[in-house]
Amino acid sequence: MSALPDAEPQSPACGACHGDTELGDDGPVCYDCQLAFDPDTFKAEFLDPDAKVCGADCDNYWHNDHKIRLGWGYHCGTCQLPSGHTKEHWTGCDPVEVELIR
């Protein structure tokens, strides 16, 4: 008999909010973000295929130029989650080098 614990299976985390997912009929689901994930590839799609995209602009103050690191900022998009999501907006922001102002 082993004194060590067995492993416990976990649900994958949501790629948008990094929260826990629940196991739905067809795979993992994040109800906060209104996303369903393919059980094999984890590719996301809207829970409601007729939902519109949220489209909110990124409003993260720290994504402005030089706020986190001198010479860097973010290229921000609009929220790609379905309208009606209850978590923060997911805007797919990417860090980019920006010109230094002298």
N, C-alpha and C. Protein backbone atom coordinates (compact mmCIF):
# COMPACT_ATOMS: atom_id res chain seq x y z
N MET A 1 0.82 -1.17 0.00
CA MET A 1 0.00 0.00 0.00
C MET A 1 0.88 1.25 0.00
N SER A 2 0.54 2.22 -0.86
CA SER A 2 1.31 3.44 -0.95
C SER A 2 0.79 4.50 0.02
N ALA A 3 1.71 5.23 0.62
CA ALA A 3 1.34 6.33 1.50
C ALA A 3 1.17 7.63 0.72
N LEU A 4 1.40 7.57 -0.57
CA LEU A 4 1.30 8.77 -1.40
C LEU A 4 -0.11 8.92 -1.96
N PRO A 5 -0.56 10.17 -2.18
CA PRO A 5 -1.91 10.38 -2.70
C PRO A 5 -1.98 10.11 -4.20
N ASP A 6 -3.16 9.71 -4.64
CA ASP A 6 -3.39 9.55 -6.07
C ASP A 6 -3.55 10.92 -6.72
N ALA A 7 -3.32 11.00 -8.01
CA ALA A 7 -3.54 12.24 -8.76
C ALA A 7 -5.05 12.48 -8.88
N GLU A 8 -5.41 13.73 -8.96
CA GLU A 8 -6.81 14.10 -9.14
C GLU A 8 -6.98 14.80 -10.48
N PRO A 9 -7.89 14.33 -11.33
CA PRO A 9 -8.10 15.00 -12.61
C PRO A 9 -8.70 16.39 -12.38
N GLN A 10 -8.29 17.35 -13.21
CA GLN A 10 -8.79 18.71 -13.10
C GLN A 10 -9.38 19.16 -14.42
N SER A 11 -10.36 20.04 -14.33
CA SER A 11 -10.90 20.64 -15.55
C SER A 11 -9.88 21.66 -16.07
N PRO A 12 -9.83 21.84 -17.38
CA PRO A 12 -8.92 22.86 -17.92
C PRO A 12 -9.39 24.25 -17.52
N ALA A 13 -8.46 25.19 -17.44
CA ALA A 13 -8.81 26.58 -17.14
C ALA A 13 -9.28 27.27 -18.41
N CYS A 14 -10.16 28.24 -18.24
CA CYS A 14 -10.65 29.04 -19.36
C CYS A 14 -9.50 29.88 -19.91
N GLY A 15 -9.36 29.91 -21.21
CA GLY A 15 -8.29 30.69 -21.84
C GLY A 15 -8.50 32.19 -21.76
N ALA A 16 -9.71 32.65 -21.49
CA ALA A 16 -9.98 34.08 -21.41
C ALA A 16 -9.83 34.60 -19.98
N CYS A 17 -10.48 33.97 -19.01
CA CYS A 17 -10.46 34.48 -17.62
C CYS A 17 -9.57 33.65 -16.71
N HIS A 18 -9.09 32.52 -17.18
CA HIS A 18 -8.24 31.60 -16.42
C HIS A 18 -8.96 30.98 -15.23
N GLY A 19 -10.28 31.07 -15.22
CA GLY A 19 -11.08 30.45 -14.17
C GLY A 19 -11.34 28.99 -14.48
N ASP A 20 -11.95 28.32 -13.54
CA ASP A 20 -12.29 26.91 -13.72
C ASP A 20 -13.40 26.76 -14.75
N THR A 21 -13.36 25.66 -15.45
CA THR A 21 -14.44 25.32 -16.37
C THR A 21 -15.25 24.19 -15.75
N GLU A 22 -16.44 24.01 -16.25
CA GLU A 22 -17.28 22.89 -15.84
C GLU A 22 -17.39 21.94 -17.02
N LEU A 23 -17.62 20.68 -16.74
CA LEU A 23 -17.77 19.72 -17.81
C LEU A 23 -19.21 19.77 -18.33
N GLY A 24 -19.38 20.26 -19.55
CA GLY A 24 -20.69 20.31 -20.18
C GLY A 24 -20.95 19.05 -20.97
N ASP A 25 -22.04 19.01 -21.71
CA ASP A 25 -22.39 17.83 -22.51
C ASP A 25 -21.35 17.51 -23.56
N ASP A 26 -20.74 18.57 -24.15
CA ASP A 26 -19.79 18.35 -25.24
C ASP A 26 -18.36 18.75 -24.90
N GLY A 27 -18.06 18.94 -23.63
CA GLY A 27 -16.71 19.32 -23.24
C GLY A 27 -16.71 20.43 -22.20
N PRO A 28 -15.53 21.00 -21.92
CA PRO A 28 -15.42 22.05 -20.91
C PRO A 28 -16.18 23.31 -21.31
N VAL A 29 -16.76 23.99 -20.31
CA VAL A 29 -17.55 25.20 -20.54
C VAL A 29 -17.17 26.24 -19.48
N CYS A 30 -17.02 27.50 -19.89
CA CYS A 30 -16.88 28.61 -18.96
C CYS A 30 -18.15 29.44 -19.07
N TYR A 31 -18.99 29.35 -18.06
CA TYR A 31 -20.26 30.08 -18.09
C TYR A 31 -20.06 31.57 -17.88
N ASP A 32 -18.99 31.96 -17.16
CA ASP A 32 -18.71 33.39 -16.97
C ASP A 32 -18.37 34.07 -18.29
N CYS A 33 -17.57 33.40 -19.11
CA CYS A 33 -17.15 33.98 -20.39
C CYS A 33 -18.06 33.57 -21.54
N GLN A 34 -19.00 32.65 -21.26
CA GLN A 34 -19.94 32.16 -22.27
C GLN A 34 -19.22 31.44 -23.42
N LEU A 35 -18.20 30.65 -23.06
CA LEU A 35 -17.43 29.90 -24.05
C LEU A 35 -17.52 28.41 -23.79
N ALA A 36 -17.56 27.65 -24.88
CA ALA A 36 -17.47 26.19 -24.83
C ALA A 36 -16.16 25.80 -25.50
N PHE A 37 -15.53 24.76 -25.00
CA PHE A 37 -14.24 24.34 -25.53
C PHE A 37 -14.32 22.91 -26.05
N ASP A 38 -13.71 22.69 -27.21
CA ASP A 38 -13.66 21.35 -27.78
C ASP A 38 -12.90 20.44 -26.82
N PRO A 39 -13.40 19.25 -26.50
CA PRO A 39 -12.73 18.39 -25.51
C PRO A 39 -11.38 17.85 -25.98
N ASP A 40 -11.13 17.84 -27.29
CA ASP A 40 -9.86 17.32 -27.79
C ASP A 40 -8.84 18.42 -28.08
N THR A 41 -9.29 19.52 -28.72
CA THR A 41 -8.37 20.57 -29.13
C THR A 41 -8.40 21.79 -28.21
N PHE A 42 -9.44 21.91 -27.36
CA PHE A 42 -9.67 23.05 -26.48
C PHE A 42 -9.95 24.34 -27.24
N LYS A 43 -10.25 24.24 -28.52
CA LYS A 43 -10.62 25.41 -29.30
C LYS A 43 -11.93 25.97 -28.76
N ALA A 44 -11.99 27.31 -28.62
CA ALA A 44 -13.17 27.96 -28.04
C ALA A 44 -14.20 28.31 -29.10
N GLU A 45 -15.46 28.28 -28.68
CA GLU A 45 -16.54 28.82 -29.49
C GLU A 45 -17.62 29.33 -28.53
N PHE A 46 -18.49 30.19 -29.04
CA PHE A 46 -19.55 30.76 -28.21
C PHE A 46 -20.51 29.66 -27.77
N LEU A 47 -20.96 29.74 -26.52
CA LEU A 47 -22.01 28.82 -26.05
C LEU A 47 -23.27 29.01 -26.89
N ASP A 48 -23.61 30.27 -27.15
CA ASP A 48 -24.76 30.61 -27.98
C ASP A 48 -24.25 31.03 -29.35
N PRO A 49 -24.40 30.19 -30.38
CA PRO A 49 -23.86 30.52 -31.69
C PRO A 49 -24.47 31.79 -32.29
N ASP A 50 -25.61 32.25 -31.77
CA ASP A 50 -26.24 33.46 -32.28
C ASP A 50 -25.83 34.72 -31.51
N ALA A 51 -25.01 34.58 -30.48
CA ALA A 51 -24.59 35.74 -29.69
C ALA A 51 -23.70 36.66 -30.52
N LYS A 52 -23.80 37.92 -30.24
CA LYS A 52 -22.95 38.93 -30.89
C LYS A 52 -21.66 39.09 -30.09
N VAL A 53 -20.61 39.56 -30.74
CA VAL A 53 -19.34 39.82 -30.08
C VAL A 53 -19.48 41.05 -29.19
N CYS A 54 -18.91 41.03 -28.00
CA CYS A 54 -19.00 42.15 -27.06
C CYS A 54 -18.46 43.44 -27.69
N GLY A 55 -17.22 43.43 -28.16
CA GLY A 55 -16.65 44.57 -28.88
C GLY A 55 -16.15 45.72 -28.03
N ALA A 56 -16.13 45.60 -26.70
CA ALA A 56 -15.66 46.69 -25.85
C ALA A 56 -14.16 46.92 -26.05
N ASP A 57 -13.75 48.20 -26.02
CA ASP A 57 -12.34 48.54 -26.13
C ASP A 57 -11.60 48.15 -24.86
N CYS A 58 -10.29 47.91 -24.99
CA CYS A 58 -9.45 47.66 -23.81
C CYS A 58 -9.42 48.94 -22.98
N ASP A 59 -9.66 48.82 -21.68
CA ASP A 59 -9.62 49.99 -20.81
C ASP A 59 -8.59 49.82 -19.69
N ASN A 60 -7.60 48.97 -19.93
CA ASN A 60 -6.55 48.73 -18.95
C ASN A 60 -5.54 49.88 -18.99
N TYR A 61 -5.53 50.70 -17.95
CA TYR A 61 -4.64 51.85 -17.85
C TYR A 61 -3.18 51.45 -18.07
N TRP A 62 -2.80 50.30 -17.56
CA TRP A 62 -1.41 49.85 -17.63
C TRP A 62 -0.98 49.44 -19.03
N HIS A 63 -1.90 49.37 -19.97
CA HIS A 63 -1.54 49.04 -21.35
C HIS A 63 -1.14 50.28 -22.15
N ASN A 64 -1.25 51.47 -21.56
CA ASN A 64 -0.80 52.69 -22.24
C ASN A 64 0.72 52.68 -22.36
N ASP A 65 1.25 53.40 -23.33
CA ASP A 65 2.69 53.43 -23.58
C ASP A 65 3.47 53.86 -22.34
N HIS A 66 4.56 53.15 -22.07
CA HIS A 66 5.53 53.44 -21.02
C HIS A 66 4.99 53.28 -19.59
N LYS A 67 3.83 52.69 -19.40
CA LYS A 67 3.27 52.57 -18.06
C LYS A 67 3.90 51.43 -17.27
N ILE A 68 4.16 50.32 -17.91
CA ILE A 68 4.76 49.18 -17.22
C ILE A 68 6.28 49.22 -17.36
N ARG A 69 6.72 49.55 -18.58
CA ARG A 69 8.16 49.56 -18.85
C ARG A 69 8.44 50.61 -19.91
N LEU A 70 9.44 51.44 -19.69
CA LEU A 70 9.81 52.47 -20.63
C LEU A 70 10.13 51.85 -21.99
N GLY A 71 9.52 52.39 -23.04
CA GLY A 71 9.76 51.89 -24.40
C GLY A 71 8.81 50.79 -24.82
N TRP A 72 7.85 50.46 -23.95
CA TRP A 72 6.91 49.38 -24.27
C TRP A 72 5.48 49.83 -24.01
N GLY A 73 4.58 49.27 -24.76
CA GLY A 73 3.15 49.49 -24.58
C GLY A 73 2.44 48.24 -25.04
N TYR A 74 1.18 48.37 -25.42
CA TYR A 74 0.41 47.23 -25.88
C TYR A 74 -0.39 47.60 -27.12
N HIS A 75 -0.49 46.65 -28.02
CA HIS A 75 -1.42 46.76 -29.15
C HIS A 75 -2.68 46.06 -28.67
N CYS A 76 -3.72 46.84 -28.45
CA CYS A 76 -4.94 46.29 -27.86
C CYS A 76 -6.05 46.19 -28.91
N GLY A 77 -6.85 45.17 -28.75
CA GLY A 77 -8.00 44.97 -29.62
C GLY A 77 -9.28 45.25 -28.86
N THR A 78 -10.36 44.74 -29.38
CA THR A 78 -11.66 44.85 -28.72
C THR A 78 -12.03 43.48 -28.16
N CYS A 79 -12.94 43.47 -27.20
CA CYS A 79 -13.33 42.23 -26.53
C CYS A 79 -13.97 41.27 -27.53
N GLN A 80 -13.43 40.07 -27.60
CA GLN A 80 -13.91 39.06 -28.53
C GLN A 80 -14.87 38.06 -27.89
N LEU A 81 -15.17 38.25 -26.60
CA LEU A 81 -16.12 37.37 -25.94
C LEU A 81 -17.54 37.69 -26.39
N PRO A 82 -18.46 36.76 -26.22
CA PRO A 82 -19.85 37.05 -26.58
C PRO A 82 -20.45 38.10 -25.65
N SER A 83 -21.33 38.92 -26.19
CA SER A 83 -22.02 39.89 -25.34
C SER A 83 -22.77 39.11 -24.27
N GLY A 84 -22.83 39.65 -23.08
CA GLY A 84 -23.47 38.96 -21.97
C GLY A 84 -22.50 38.23 -21.06
N HIS A 85 -21.19 38.23 -21.39
CA HIS A 85 -20.23 37.58 -20.50
C HIS A 85 -20.15 38.37 -19.20
N THR A 86 -19.77 37.71 -18.10
CA THR A 86 -19.76 38.37 -16.80
C THR A 86 -18.36 38.60 -16.26
N LYS A 87 -17.34 38.13 -16.93
CA LYS A 87 -15.96 38.36 -16.49
C LYS A 87 -15.40 39.59 -17.21
N GLU A 88 -14.12 39.90 -16.93
CA GLU A 88 -13.46 41.02 -17.59
C GLU A 88 -13.47 40.82 -19.11
N HIS A 89 -13.30 41.93 -19.82
CA HIS A 89 -13.22 41.85 -21.28
C HIS A 89 -11.91 41.18 -21.68
N TRP A 90 -11.97 40.33 -22.70
CA TRP A 90 -10.76 39.71 -23.24
C TRP A 90 -10.48 40.38 -24.58
N THR A 91 -9.39 41.16 -24.63
CA THR A 91 -9.11 41.96 -25.81
C THR A 91 -7.88 41.50 -26.58
N GLY A 92 -7.22 40.46 -26.14
CA GLY A 92 -6.09 39.90 -26.89
C GLY A 92 -4.93 40.87 -27.04
N CYS A 93 -4.60 41.63 -26.01
CA CYS A 93 -3.56 42.65 -26.08
C CYS A 93 -2.17 42.01 -26.16
N ASP A 94 -1.34 42.58 -27.03
CA ASP A 94 0.03 42.09 -27.20
C ASP A 94 1.03 43.20 -26.90
N PRO A 95 2.11 42.89 -26.16
CA PRO A 95 3.12 43.91 -25.89
C PRO A 95 3.85 44.28 -27.17
N VAL A 96 4.17 45.58 -27.31
CA VAL A 96 4.89 46.08 -28.48
C VAL A 96 5.88 47.16 -28.03
N GLU A 97 6.97 47.27 -28.76
CA GLU A 97 7.92 48.37 -28.51
C GLU A 97 7.30 49.65 -29.05
N VAL A 98 7.49 50.74 -28.32
CA VAL A 98 6.98 52.04 -28.76
C VAL A 98 8.13 53.05 -28.74
N GLU A 99 7.96 54.10 -29.50
CA GLU A 99 8.99 55.13 -29.63
C GLU A 99 9.11 55.93 -28.32
N LEU A 100 10.35 56.17 -27.95
CA LEU A 100 10.60 57.01 -26.78
C LEU A 100 10.42 58.47 -27.17
N ILE A 101 9.73 59.23 -26.34
CA ILE A 101 9.51 60.65 -26.58
C ILE A 101 10.61 61.41 -25.88
N ARG A 102 11.28 62.30 -26.61
CA ARG A 102 12.38 63.08 -26.01
C ARG A 102 12.05 64.52 -26.01
